[in-house]
mmCIF file of all heavy atoms, coordinates in Angstrom:
data_MODEL
# 
_entry.id   MODEL 
# 
loop_
_atom_site.group_PDB 
_atom_site.id 
_atom_site.type_symbol 
_atom_site.label_atom_id 
_atom_site.label_alt_id 
_atom_site.label_comp_id 
_atom_site.label_asym_id 
_atom_site.label_entity_id 
_atom_site.label_seq_id 
_atom_site.pdbx_PDB_ins_code 
_atom_site.Cartn_x 
_atom_site.Cartn_y 
_atom_site.Cartn_z 
_atom_site.occupancy 
_atom_site.B_iso_or_equiv 
_atom_site.pdbx_formal_charge 
_atom_site.auth_seq_id 
_atom_site.auth_comp_id 
_atom_site.auth_asym_id 
_atom_site.auth_atom_id 
_atom_site.pdbx_PDB_model_num 
ATOM 1   N N   . TRP A 1 1  ? 22.231 65.131 -29.135 1.00 0.00 ? 1  TRP A N   1 
ATOM 2   C CA  . TRP A 1 1  ? 23.464 64.419 -29.138 1.00 0.00 ? 1  TRP A CA  1 
ATOM 3   C C   . TRP A 1 1  ? 24.583 65.172 -28.549 1.00 0.00 ? 1  TRP A C   1 
ATOM 4   O O   . TRP A 1 1  ? 25.244 64.638 -27.622 1.00 0.00 ? 1  TRP A O   1 
ATOM 5   C CB  . TRP A 1 1  ? 23.844 64.082 -30.527 1.00 0.00 ? 1  TRP A CB  1 
ATOM 6   C CG  . TRP A 1 1  ? 23.053 62.978 -31.230 1.00 0.00 ? 1  TRP A CG  1 
ATOM 7   C CD1 . TRP A 1 1  ? 22.127 62.185 -30.713 1.00 0.00 ? 1  TRP A CD1 1 
ATOM 8   C CD2 . TRP A 1 1  ? 23.170 62.595 -32.576 1.00 0.00 ? 1  TRP A CD2 1 
ATOM 9   N NE1 . TRP A 1 1  ? 21.497 61.292 -31.605 1.00 0.00 ? 1  TRP A NE1 1 
ATOM 10  C CE2 . TRP A 1 1  ? 22.147 61.559 -32.705 1.00 0.00 ? 1  TRP A CE2 1 
ATOM 11  C CE3 . TRP A 1 1  ? 23.984 62.925 -33.563 1.00 0.00 ? 1  TRP A CE3 1 
ATOM 12  C CZ2 . TRP A 1 1  ? 22.046 60.927 -33.965 1.00 0.00 ? 1  TRP A CZ2 1 
ATOM 13  C CZ3 . TRP A 1 1  ? 23.763 62.347 -34.972 1.00 0.00 ? 1  TRP A CZ3 1 
ATOM 14  C CH2 . TRP A 1 1  ? 22.850 61.344 -35.065 1.00 0.00 ? 1  TRP A CH2 1 
ATOM 15  N N   . ILE A 1 2  ? 24.636 66.413 -28.860 1.00 0.00 ? 2  ILE A N   1 
ATOM 16  C CA  . ILE A 1 2  ? 25.572 67.331 -28.338 1.00 0.00 ? 2  ILE A CA  1 
ATOM 17  C C   . ILE A 1 2  ? 25.360 67.643 -26.848 1.00 0.00 ? 2  ILE A C   1 
ATOM 18  O O   . ILE A 1 2  ? 26.362 67.515 -26.069 1.00 0.00 ? 2  ILE A O   1 
ATOM 19  C CB  . ILE A 1 2  ? 25.771 68.645 -29.070 1.00 0.00 ? 2  ILE A CB  1 
ATOM 20  C CG1 . ILE A 1 2  ? 26.110 68.421 -30.605 1.00 0.00 ? 2  ILE A CG1 1 
ATOM 21  C CG2 . ILE A 1 2  ? 26.802 69.687 -28.422 1.00 0.00 ? 2  ILE A CG2 1 
ATOM 22  C CD1 . ILE A 1 2  ? 25.959 69.690 -31.523 1.00 0.00 ? 2  ILE A CD1 1 
ATOM 23  N N   . GLY A 1 3  ? 24.085 67.831 -26.553 1.00 0.00 ? 3  GLY A N   1 
ATOM 24  C CA  . GLY A 1 3  ? 23.784 68.054 -25.168 1.00 0.00 ? 3  GLY A CA  1 
ATOM 25  C C   . GLY A 1 3  ? 24.037 66.888 -24.179 1.00 0.00 ? 3  GLY A C   1 
ATOM 26  O O   . GLY A 1 3  ? 24.531 67.110 -23.115 1.00 0.00 ? 3  GLY A O   1 
ATOM 27  N N   . ASN A 1 4  ? 23.857 65.659 -24.721 1.00 0.00 ? 4  ASN A N   1 
ATOM 28  C CA  . ASN A 1 4  ? 24.214 64.524 -23.850 1.00 0.00 ? 4  ASN A CA  1 
ATOM 29  C C   . ASN A 1 4  ? 25.723 64.465 -23.668 1.00 0.00 ? 4  ASN A C   1 
ATOM 30  O O   . ASN A 1 4  ? 26.115 64.114 -22.466 1.00 0.00 ? 4  ASN A O   1 
ATOM 31  C CB  . ASN A 1 4  ? 23.760 63.234 -24.654 1.00 0.00 ? 4  ASN A CB  1 
ATOM 32  C CG  . ASN A 1 4  ? 22.265 63.152 -24.662 1.00 0.00 ? 4  ASN A CG  1 
ATOM 33  O OD1 . ASN A 1 4  ? 21.586 63.789 -23.941 1.00 0.00 ? 4  ASN A OD1 1 
ATOM 34  N ND2 . ASN A 1 4  ? 21.699 62.384 -25.643 1.00 0.00 ? 4  ASN A ND2 1 
ATOM 35  N N   . ASP A 1 5  ? 26.506 64.853 -24.638 1.00 0.00 ? 5  ASP A N   1 
ATOM 36  C CA  . ASP A 1 5  ? 27.924 64.957 -24.492 1.00 0.00 ? 5  ASP A CA  1 
ATOM 37  C C   . ASP A 1 5  ? 28.429 65.881 -23.254 1.00 0.00 ? 5  ASP A C   1 
ATOM 38  O O   . ASP A 1 5  ? 29.398 65.719 -22.671 1.00 0.00 ? 5  ASP A O   1 
ATOM 39  C CB  . ASP A 1 5  ? 28.678 65.299 -25.716 1.00 0.00 ? 5  ASP A CB  1 
ATOM 40  C CG  . ASP A 1 5  ? 28.802 64.183 -26.634 1.00 0.00 ? 5  ASP A CG  1 
ATOM 41  O OD1 . ASP A 1 5  ? 28.634 63.083 -26.310 1.00 0.00 ? 5  ASP A OD1 1 
ATOM 42  O OD2 . ASP A 1 5  ? 29.374 64.412 -27.818 1.00 0.00 ? 5  ASP A OD2 1 
ATOM 43  N N   . GLU A 1 6  ? 27.580 66.996 -23.140 1.00 0.00 ? 6  GLU A N   1 
ATOM 44  C CA  . GLU A 1 6  ? 27.879 67.865 -21.963 1.00 0.00 ? 6  GLU A CA  1 
ATOM 45  C C   . GLU A 1 6  ? 27.762 67.272 -20.708 1.00 0.00 ? 6  GLU A C   1 
ATOM 46  O O   . GLU A 1 6  ? 28.139 67.859 -19.628 1.00 0.00 ? 6  GLU A O   1 
ATOM 47  C CB  . GLU A 1 6  ? 26.976 69.109 -22.205 1.00 0.00 ? 6  GLU A CB  1 
ATOM 48  C CG  . GLU A 1 6  ? 27.268 69.899 -23.487 1.00 0.00 ? 6  GLU A CG  1 
ATOM 49  C CD  . GLU A 1 6  ? 28.706 70.462 -23.581 1.00 0.00 ? 6  GLU A CD  1 
ATOM 50  O OE1 . GLU A 1 6  ? 29.131 71.007 -22.485 1.00 0.00 ? 6  GLU A OE1 1 
ATOM 51  O OE2 . GLU A 1 6  ? 29.343 70.314 -24.633 1.00 0.00 ? 6  GLU A OE2 1 
ATOM 52  N N   . ALA A 1 7  ? 26.872 66.177 -20.620 1.00 0.00 ? 7  ALA A N   1 
ATOM 53  C CA  . ALA A 1 7  ? 26.680 65.521 -19.353 1.00 0.00 ? 7  ALA A CA  1 
ATOM 54  C C   . ALA A 1 7  ? 27.579 64.298 -19.029 1.00 0.00 ? 7  ALA A C   1 
ATOM 55  O O   . ALA A 1 7  ? 27.466 63.721 -17.891 1.00 0.00 ? 7  ALA A O   1 
ATOM 56  C CB  . ALA A 1 7  ? 25.224 65.201 -19.180 1.00 0.00 ? 7  ALA A CB  1 
ATOM 57  N N   . HIS A 1 8  ? 28.367 63.944 -20.039 1.00 0.00 ? 8  HIS A N   1 
ATOM 58  C CA  . HIS A 1 8  ? 29.119 62.640 -19.884 1.00 0.00 ? 8  HIS A CA  1 
ATOM 59  C C   . HIS A 1 8  ? 30.652 62.780 -19.844 1.00 0.00 ? 8  HIS A C   1 
ATOM 60  O O   . HIS A 1 8  ? 31.132 63.857 -20.432 1.00 0.00 ? 8  HIS A O   1 
ATOM 61  C CB  . HIS A 1 8  ? 28.716 61.684 -21.098 1.00 0.00 ? 8  HIS A CB  1 
ATOM 62  C CG  . HIS A 1 8  ? 27.279 61.298 -21.024 1.00 0.00 ? 8  HIS A CG  1 
ATOM 63  N ND1 . HIS A 1 8  ? 26.495 61.184 -22.179 1.00 0.00 ? 8  HIS A ND1 1 
ATOM 64  C CD2 . HIS A 1 8  ? 26.412 61.099 -19.996 1.00 0.00 ? 8  HIS A CD2 1 
ATOM 65  C CE1 . HIS A 1 8  ? 25.218 60.805 -21.790 1.00 0.00 ? 8  HIS A CE1 1 
ATOM 66  N NE2 . HIS A 1 8  ? 25.158 60.694 -20.446 1.00 0.00 ? 8  HIS A NE2 1 
ATOM 67  N N   . TYR A 1 9  ? 31.301 61.896 -19.311 1.00 0.00 ? 9  TYR A N   1 
ATOM 68  C CA  . TYR A 1 9  ? 32.792 61.974 -19.282 1.00 0.00 ? 9  TYR A CA  1 
ATOM 69  C C   . TYR A 1 9  ? 33.531 61.912 -20.636 1.00 0.00 ? 9  TYR A C   1 
ATOM 70  O O   . TYR A 1 9  ? 34.383 62.625 -20.898 1.00 0.00 ? 9  TYR A O   1 
ATOM 71  C CB  . TYR A 1 9  ? 33.290 60.879 -18.338 1.00 0.00 ? 9  TYR A CB  1 
ATOM 72  C CG  . TYR A 1 9  ? 34.694 60.963 -17.956 1.00 0.00 ? 9  TYR A CG  1 
ATOM 73  C CD1 . TYR A 1 9  ? 34.988 61.599 -16.726 1.00 0.00 ? 9  TYR A CD1 1 
ATOM 74  C CD2 . TYR A 1 9  ? 35.789 60.434 -18.625 1.00 0.00 ? 9  TYR A CD2 1 
ATOM 75  C CE1 . TYR A 1 9  ? 36.197 61.758 -16.267 1.00 0.00 ? 9  TYR A CE1 1 
ATOM 76  C CE2 . TYR A 1 9  ? 37.066 60.633 -18.295 1.00 0.00 ? 9  TYR A CE2 1 
ATOM 77  C CZ  . TYR A 1 9  ? 37.355 61.259 -17.016 1.00 0.00 ? 9  TYR A CZ  1 
ATOM 78  O OH  . TYR A 1 9  ? 38.651 61.417 -16.589 1.00 0.00 ? 9  TYR A OH  1 
ATOM 79  N N   . ILE A 1 10 ? 32.957 60.933 -21.379 1.00 0.00 ? 10 ILE A N   1 
ATOM 80  C CA  . ILE A 1 10 ? 33.455 60.839 -22.827 1.00 0.00 ? 10 ILE A CA  1 
ATOM 81  C C   . ILE A 1 10 ? 32.555 61.426 -23.787 1.00 0.00 ? 10 ILE A C   1 
ATOM 82  O O   . ILE A 1 10 ? 31.440 61.122 -23.797 1.00 0.00 ? 10 ILE A O   1 
ATOM 83  C CB  . ILE A 1 10 ? 33.763 59.345 -23.061 1.00 0.00 ? 10 ILE A CB  1 
ATOM 84  C CG1 . ILE A 1 10 ? 34.896 58.794 -22.069 1.00 0.00 ? 10 ILE A CG1 1 
ATOM 85  C CG2 . ILE A 1 10 ? 34.308 59.037 -24.545 1.00 0.00 ? 10 ILE A CG2 1 
ATOM 86  C CD1 . ILE A 1 10 ? 34.978 57.296 -22.253 1.00 0.00 ? 10 ILE A CD1 1 
ATOM 87  N N   . ARG A 1 11 ? 33.118 62.254 -24.710 1.00 0.00 ? 11 ARG A N   1 
ATOM 88  C CA  . ARG A 1 11 ? 32.322 62.882 -25.807 1.00 0.00 ? 11 ARG A CA  1 
ATOM 89  C C   . ARG A 1 11 ? 32.240 61.902 -26.955 1.00 0.00 ? 11 ARG A C   1 
ATOM 90  O O   . ARG A 1 11 ? 33.348 61.389 -27.435 1.00 0.00 ? 11 ARG A O   1 
ATOM 91  C CB  . ARG A 1 11 ? 32.956 64.277 -26.235 1.00 0.00 ? 11 ARG A CB  1 
ATOM 92  C CG  . ARG A 1 11 ? 33.086 65.322 -25.076 1.00 0.00 ? 11 ARG A CG  1 
ATOM 93  C CD  . ARG A 1 11 ? 33.469 66.558 -25.611 1.00 0.00 ? 11 ARG A CD  1 
ATOM 94  N NE  . ARG A 1 11 ? 32.455 67.202 -26.484 1.00 0.00 ? 11 ARG A NE  1 
ATOM 95  C CZ  . ARG A 1 11 ? 31.438 67.949 -26.065 1.00 0.00 ? 11 ARG A CZ  1 
ATOM 96  N NH1 . ARG A 1 11 ? 31.435 68.262 -24.706 1.00 0.00 ? 11 ARG A NH1 1 
ATOM 97  N NH2 . ARG A 1 11 ? 30.649 68.563 -26.864 1.00 0.00 ? 11 ARG A NH2 1 
ATOM 98  N N   . LYS A 1 12 ? 31.095 61.812 -27.601 1.00 0.00 ? 12 LYS A N   1 
ATOM 99  C CA  . LYS A 1 12 ? 30.914 61.023 -28.764 1.00 0.00 ? 12 LYS A CA  1 
ATOM 100 C C   . LYS A 1 12 ? 31.019 62.001 -29.989 1.00 0.00 ? 12 LYS A C   1 
ATOM 101 O O   . LYS A 1 12 ? 31.588 61.547 -31.039 1.00 0.00 ? 12 LYS A O   1 
ATOM 102 C CB  . LYS A 1 12 ? 29.531 60.357 -28.798 1.00 0.00 ? 12 LYS A CB  1 
ATOM 103 C CG  . LYS A 1 12 ? 29.396 59.261 -27.770 1.00 0.00 ? 12 LYS A CG  1 
ATOM 104 C CD  . LYS A 1 12 ? 28.075 58.571 -27.759 1.00 0.00 ? 12 LYS A CD  1 
ATOM 105 C CE  . LYS A 1 12 ? 27.865 57.474 -26.722 1.00 0.00 ? 12 LYS A CE  1 
ATOM 106 N NZ  . LYS A 1 12 ? 26.633 56.886 -26.819 1.00 0.00 ? 12 LYS A NZ  1 
ATOM 107 N N   . GLN A 1 13 ? 30.568 63.146 -29.854 1.00 0.00 ? 13 GLN A N   1 
ATOM 108 C CA  . GLN A 1 13 ? 30.608 64.142 -30.967 1.00 0.00 ? 13 GLN A CA  1 
ATOM 109 C C   . GLN A 1 13 ? 31.780 65.120 -30.727 1.00 0.00 ? 13 GLN A C   1 
ATOM 110 O O   . GLN A 1 13 ? 31.666 66.215 -30.401 1.00 0.00 ? 13 GLN A O   1 
ATOM 111 C CB  . GLN A 1 13 ? 29.295 64.955 -31.075 1.00 0.00 ? 13 GLN A CB  1 
ATOM 112 C CG  . GLN A 1 13 ? 28.105 64.111 -31.082 1.00 0.00 ? 13 GLN A CG  1 
ATOM 113 C CD  . GLN A 1 13 ? 27.898 63.322 -32.317 1.00 0.00 ? 13 GLN A CD  1 
ATOM 114 O OE1 . GLN A 1 13 ? 28.452 63.656 -33.324 1.00 0.00 ? 13 GLN A OE1 1 
ATOM 115 N NE2 . GLN A 1 13 ? 27.435 62.061 -32.168 1.00 0.00 ? 13 GLN A NE2 1 
ATOM 116 N N   . GLU A 1 14 ? 33.094 64.531 -30.995 1.00 0.00 ? 14 GLU A N   1 
ATOM 117 C CA  . GLU A 1 14 ? 34.199 65.383 -30.637 1.00 0.00 ? 14 GLU A CA  1 
ATOM 118 C C   . GLU A 1 14 ? 34.499 66.574 -31.425 1.00 0.00 ? 14 GLU A C   1 
ATOM 119 O O   . GLU A 1 14 ? 35.130 67.476 -31.196 1.00 0.00 ? 14 GLU A O   1 
ATOM 120 C CB  . GLU A 1 14 ? 35.398 64.397 -30.645 1.00 0.00 ? 14 GLU A CB  1 
ATOM 121 C CG  . GLU A 1 14 ? 35.357 63.267 -29.650 1.00 0.00 ? 14 GLU A CG  1 
ATOM 122 C CD  . GLU A 1 14 ? 36.637 62.432 -29.830 1.00 0.00 ? 14 GLU A CD  1 
ATOM 123 O OE1 . GLU A 1 14 ? 37.483 62.584 -30.752 1.00 0.00 ? 14 GLU A OE1 1 
ATOM 124 O OE2 . GLU A 1 14 ? 36.815 61.520 -28.917 1.00 0.00 ? 14 GLU A OE2 1 
ATOM 125 N N   . ASP A 1 15 ? 33.872 66.561 -32.757 1.00 0.00 ? 15 ASP A N   1 
ATOM 126 C CA  . ASP A 1 15 ? 33.974 67.653 -33.633 1.00 0.00 ? 15 ASP A CA  1 
ATOM 127 C C   . ASP A 1 15 ? 32.949 68.719 -33.519 1.00 0.00 ? 15 ASP A C   1 
ATOM 128 O O   . ASP A 1 15 ? 32.774 69.736 -34.190 1.00 0.00 ? 15 ASP A O   1 
ATOM 129 C CB  . ASP A 1 15 ? 34.039 67.167 -35.140 1.00 0.00 ? 15 ASP A CB  1 
ATOM 130 C CG  . ASP A 1 15 ? 32.765 66.527 -35.406 1.00 0.00 ? 15 ASP A CG  1 
ATOM 131 O OD1 . ASP A 1 15 ? 32.121 65.871 -34.618 1.00 0.00 ? 15 ASP A OD1 1 
ATOM 132 O OD2 . ASP A 1 15 ? 32.503 66.477 -36.702 1.00 0.00 ? 15 ASP A OD2 1 
ATOM 133 N N   . ARG A 1 16 ? 32.089 68.578 -32.502 1.00 0.00 ? 16 ARG A N   1 
ATOM 134 C CA  . ARG A 1 16 ? 30.903 69.543 -32.188 1.00 0.00 ? 16 ARG A CA  1 
ATOM 135 C C   . ARG A 1 16 ? 31.015 69.977 -30.786 1.00 0.00 ? 16 ARG A C   1 
ATOM 136 O O   . ARG A 1 16 ? 31.431 69.288 -29.887 1.00 0.00 ? 16 ARG A O   1 
ATOM 137 C CB  . ARG A 1 16 ? 29.570 68.841 -32.435 1.00 0.00 ? 16 ARG A CB  1 
ATOM 138 C CG  . ARG A 1 16 ? 29.430 68.392 -33.820 1.00 0.00 ? 16 ARG A CG  1 
ATOM 139 C CD  . ARG A 1 16 ? 29.255 69.451 -34.869 1.00 0.00 ? 16 ARG A CD  1 
ATOM 140 N NE  . ARG A 1 16 ? 28.994 68.945 -36.245 1.00 0.00 ? 16 ARG A NE  1 
ATOM 141 C CZ  . ARG A 1 16 ? 28.558 69.662 -37.304 1.00 0.00 ? 16 ARG A CZ  1 
ATOM 142 N NH1 . ARG A 1 16 ? 28.389 71.071 -37.050 1.00 0.00 ? 16 ARG A NH1 1 
ATOM 143 N NH2 . ARG A 1 16 ? 28.380 69.221 -38.449 1.00 0.00 ? 16 ARG A NH2 1 
ATOM 144 N N   . ASP A 1 17 ? 30.459 71.335 -30.560 1.00 0.00 ? 17 ASP A N   1 
ATOM 145 C CA  . ASP A 1 17 ? 30.444 71.821 -29.326 1.00 0.00 ? 17 ASP A CA  1 
ATOM 146 C C   . ASP A 1 17 ? 29.166 72.513 -29.002 1.00 0.00 ? 17 ASP A C   1 
ATOM 147 O O   . ASP A 1 17 ? 28.120 72.508 -29.751 1.00 0.00 ? 17 ASP A O   1 
ATOM 148 C CB  . ASP A 1 17 ? 31.730 72.650 -28.905 1.00 0.00 ? 17 ASP A CB  1 
ATOM 149 C CG  . ASP A 1 17 ? 31.875 73.792 -30.006 1.00 0.00 ? 17 ASP A CG  1 
ATOM 150 O OD1 . ASP A 1 17 ? 30.744 74.174 -30.611 1.00 0.00 ? 17 ASP A OD1 1 
ATOM 151 O OD2 . ASP A 1 17 ? 32.751 74.389 -30.201 1.00 0.00 ? 17 ASP A OD2 1 
ATOM 152 N N   . VAL A 1 18 ? 29.145 73.354 -27.823 1.00 0.00 ? 18 VAL A N   1 
ATOM 153 C CA  . VAL A 1 18 ? 27.992 74.086 -27.370 1.00 0.00 ? 18 VAL A CA  1 
ATOM 154 C C   . VAL A 1 18 ? 27.628 75.042 -28.460 1.00 0.00 ? 18 VAL A C   1 
ATOM 155 O O   . VAL A 1 18 ? 26.338 75.254 -28.579 1.00 0.00 ? 18 VAL A O   1 
ATOM 156 C CB  . VAL A 1 18 ? 28.297 74.783 -26.095 1.00 0.00 ? 18 VAL A CB  1 
ATOM 157 C CG1 . VAL A 1 18 ? 27.240 75.799 -25.758 1.00 0.00 ? 18 VAL A CG1 1 
ATOM 158 C CG2 . VAL A 1 18 ? 28.391 73.792 -24.918 1.00 0.00 ? 18 VAL A CG2 1 
ATOM 159 N N   . ASN A 1 19 ? 28.517 75.706 -29.178 1.00 0.00 ? 19 ASN A N   1 
ATOM 160 C CA  . ASN A 1 19 ? 28.142 76.588 -30.240 1.00 0.00 ? 19 ASN A CA  1 
ATOM 161 C C   . ASN A 1 19 ? 27.317 75.959 -31.416 1.00 0.00 ? 19 ASN A C   1 
ATOM 162 O O   . ASN A 1 19 ? 26.326 76.711 -31.861 1.00 0.00 ? 19 ASN A O   1 
ATOM 163 C CB  . ASN A 1 19 ? 29.395 77.246 -30.799 1.00 0.00 ? 19 ASN A CB  1 
ATOM 164 C CG  . ASN A 1 19 ? 30.079 78.244 -29.968 1.00 0.00 ? 19 ASN A CG  1 
ATOM 165 O OD1 . ASN A 1 19 ? 29.417 78.947 -29.088 1.00 0.00 ? 19 ASN A OD1 1 
ATOM 166 N ND2 . ASN A 1 19 ? 31.345 78.284 -29.940 1.00 0.00 ? 19 ASN A ND2 1 
ATOM 167 N N   . ASP A 1 20 ? 27.695 74.764 -31.701 1.00 0.00 ? 20 ASP A N   1 
ATOM 168 C CA  . ASP A 1 20 ? 26.918 74.055 -32.681 1.00 0.00 ? 20 ASP A CA  1 
ATOM 169 C C   . ASP A 1 20 ? 25.422 73.814 -32.094 1.00 0.00 ? 20 ASP A C   1 
ATOM 170 O O   . ASP A 1 20 ? 24.403 74.055 -32.810 1.00 0.00 ? 20 ASP A O   1 
ATOM 171 C CB  . ASP A 1 20 ? 27.549 72.762 -33.040 1.00 0.00 ? 20 ASP A CB  1 
ATOM 172 C CG  . ASP A 1 20 ? 28.818 72.899 -33.811 1.00 0.00 ? 20 ASP A CG  1 
ATOM 173 O OD1 . ASP A 1 20 ? 28.820 73.487 -34.758 1.00 0.00 ? 20 ASP A OD1 1 
ATOM 174 O OD2 . ASP A 1 20 ? 29.898 72.466 -33.275 1.00 0.00 ? 20 ASP A OD2 1 
ATOM 175 N N   . MET A 1 21 ? 25.325 73.368 -30.861 1.00 0.00 ? 21 MET A N   1 
ATOM 176 C CA  . MET A 1 21 ? 24.077 73.174 -30.309 1.00 0.00 ? 21 MET A CA  1 
ATOM 177 C C   . MET A 1 21 ? 23.221 74.334 -30.151 1.00 0.00 ? 21 MET A C   1 
ATOM 178 O O   . MET A 1 21 ? 21.997 74.360 -30.496 1.00 0.00 ? 21 MET A O   1 
ATOM 179 C CB  . MET A 1 21 ? 24.212 72.527 -28.825 1.00 0.00 ? 21 MET A CB  1 
ATOM 180 C CG  . MET A 1 21 ? 22.933 72.278 -27.961 1.00 0.00 ? 21 MET A CG  1 
ATOM 181 S SD  . MET A 1 21 ? 23.072 71.171 -26.651 1.00 0.00 ? 21 MET A SD  1 
ATOM 182 C CE  . MET A 1 21 ? 24.211 72.170 -25.564 1.00 0.00 ? 21 MET A CE  1 
ATOM 183 N N   . LYS A 1 22 ? 23.728 75.498 -29.838 1.00 0.00 ? 22 LYS A N   1 
ATOM 184 C CA  . LYS A 1 22 ? 23.110 76.726 -29.789 1.00 0.00 ? 22 LYS A CA  1 
ATOM 185 C C   . LYS A 1 22 ? 22.510 77.168 -31.187 1.00 0.00 ? 22 LYS A C   1 
ATOM 186 O O   . LYS A 1 22 ? 21.434 77.515 -31.378 1.00 0.00 ? 22 LYS A O   1 
ATOM 187 C CB  . LYS A 1 22 ? 23.934 77.848 -29.300 1.00 0.00 ? 22 LYS A CB  1 
ATOM 188 C CG  . LYS A 1 22 ? 24.154 77.793 -27.742 1.00 0.00 ? 22 LYS A CG  1 
ATOM 189 C CD  . LYS A 1 22 ? 25.300 78.712 -27.426 1.00 0.00 ? 22 LYS A CD  1 
ATOM 190 C CE  . LYS A 1 22 ? 25.085 80.209 -27.684 1.00 0.00 ? 22 LYS A CE  1 
ATOM 191 N NZ  . LYS A 1 22 ? 26.192 81.006 -27.334 1.00 0.00 ? 22 LYS A NZ  1 
ATOM 192 N N   . SER A 1 23 ? 23.282 76.852 -32.198 1.00 0.00 ? 23 SER A N   1 
ATOM 193 C CA  . SER A 1 23 ? 22.938 77.142 -33.553 1.00 0.00 ? 23 SER A CA  1 
ATOM 194 C C   . SER A 1 23 ? 21.833 76.218 -34.035 1.00 0.00 ? 23 SER A C   1 
ATOM 195 O O   . SER A 1 23 ? 20.761 76.677 -34.596 1.00 0.00 ? 23 SER A O   1 
ATOM 196 C CB  . SER A 1 23 ? 24.105 77.017 -34.520 1.00 0.00 ? 23 SER A CB  1 
ATOM 197 O OG  . SER A 1 23 ? 25.060 77.919 -34.269 1.00 0.00 ? 23 SER A OG  1 
ATOM 198 N N   . PHE A 1 24 ? 21.814 74.917 -33.595 1.00 0.00 ? 24 PHE A N   1 
ATOM 199 C CA  . PHE A 1 24 ? 20.752 73.949 -33.902 1.00 0.00 ? 24 PHE A CA  1 
ATOM 200 C C   . PHE A 1 24 ? 19.448 74.369 -33.162 1.00 0.00 ? 24 PHE A C   1 
ATOM 201 O O   . PHE A 1 24 ? 18.395 74.235 -33.701 1.00 0.00 ? 24 PHE A O   1 
ATOM 202 C CB  . PHE A 1 24 ? 21.215 72.615 -33.605 1.00 0.00 ? 24 PHE A CB  1 
ATOM 203 C CG  . PHE A 1 24 ? 22.412 72.051 -34.428 1.00 0.00 ? 24 PHE A CG  1 
ATOM 204 C CD1 . PHE A 1 24 ? 23.030 70.904 -34.009 1.00 0.00 ? 24 PHE A CD1 1 
ATOM 205 C CD2 . PHE A 1 24 ? 22.743 72.699 -35.650 1.00 0.00 ? 24 PHE A CD2 1 
ATOM 206 C CE1 . PHE A 1 24 ? 24.088 70.471 -34.787 1.00 0.00 ? 24 PHE A CE1 1 
ATOM 207 C CE2 . PHE A 1 24 ? 23.831 72.252 -36.263 1.00 0.00 ? 24 PHE A CE2 1 
ATOM 208 C CZ  . PHE A 1 24 ? 24.520 71.118 -35.908 1.00 0.00 ? 24 PHE A CZ  1 
# 
């Protein structure tokens, strides 16, 4: 989900970022 936001204009997971994705 977070990774998909990195490729799109509008973010769906606004309270999450790359650091969360790396942790997951």
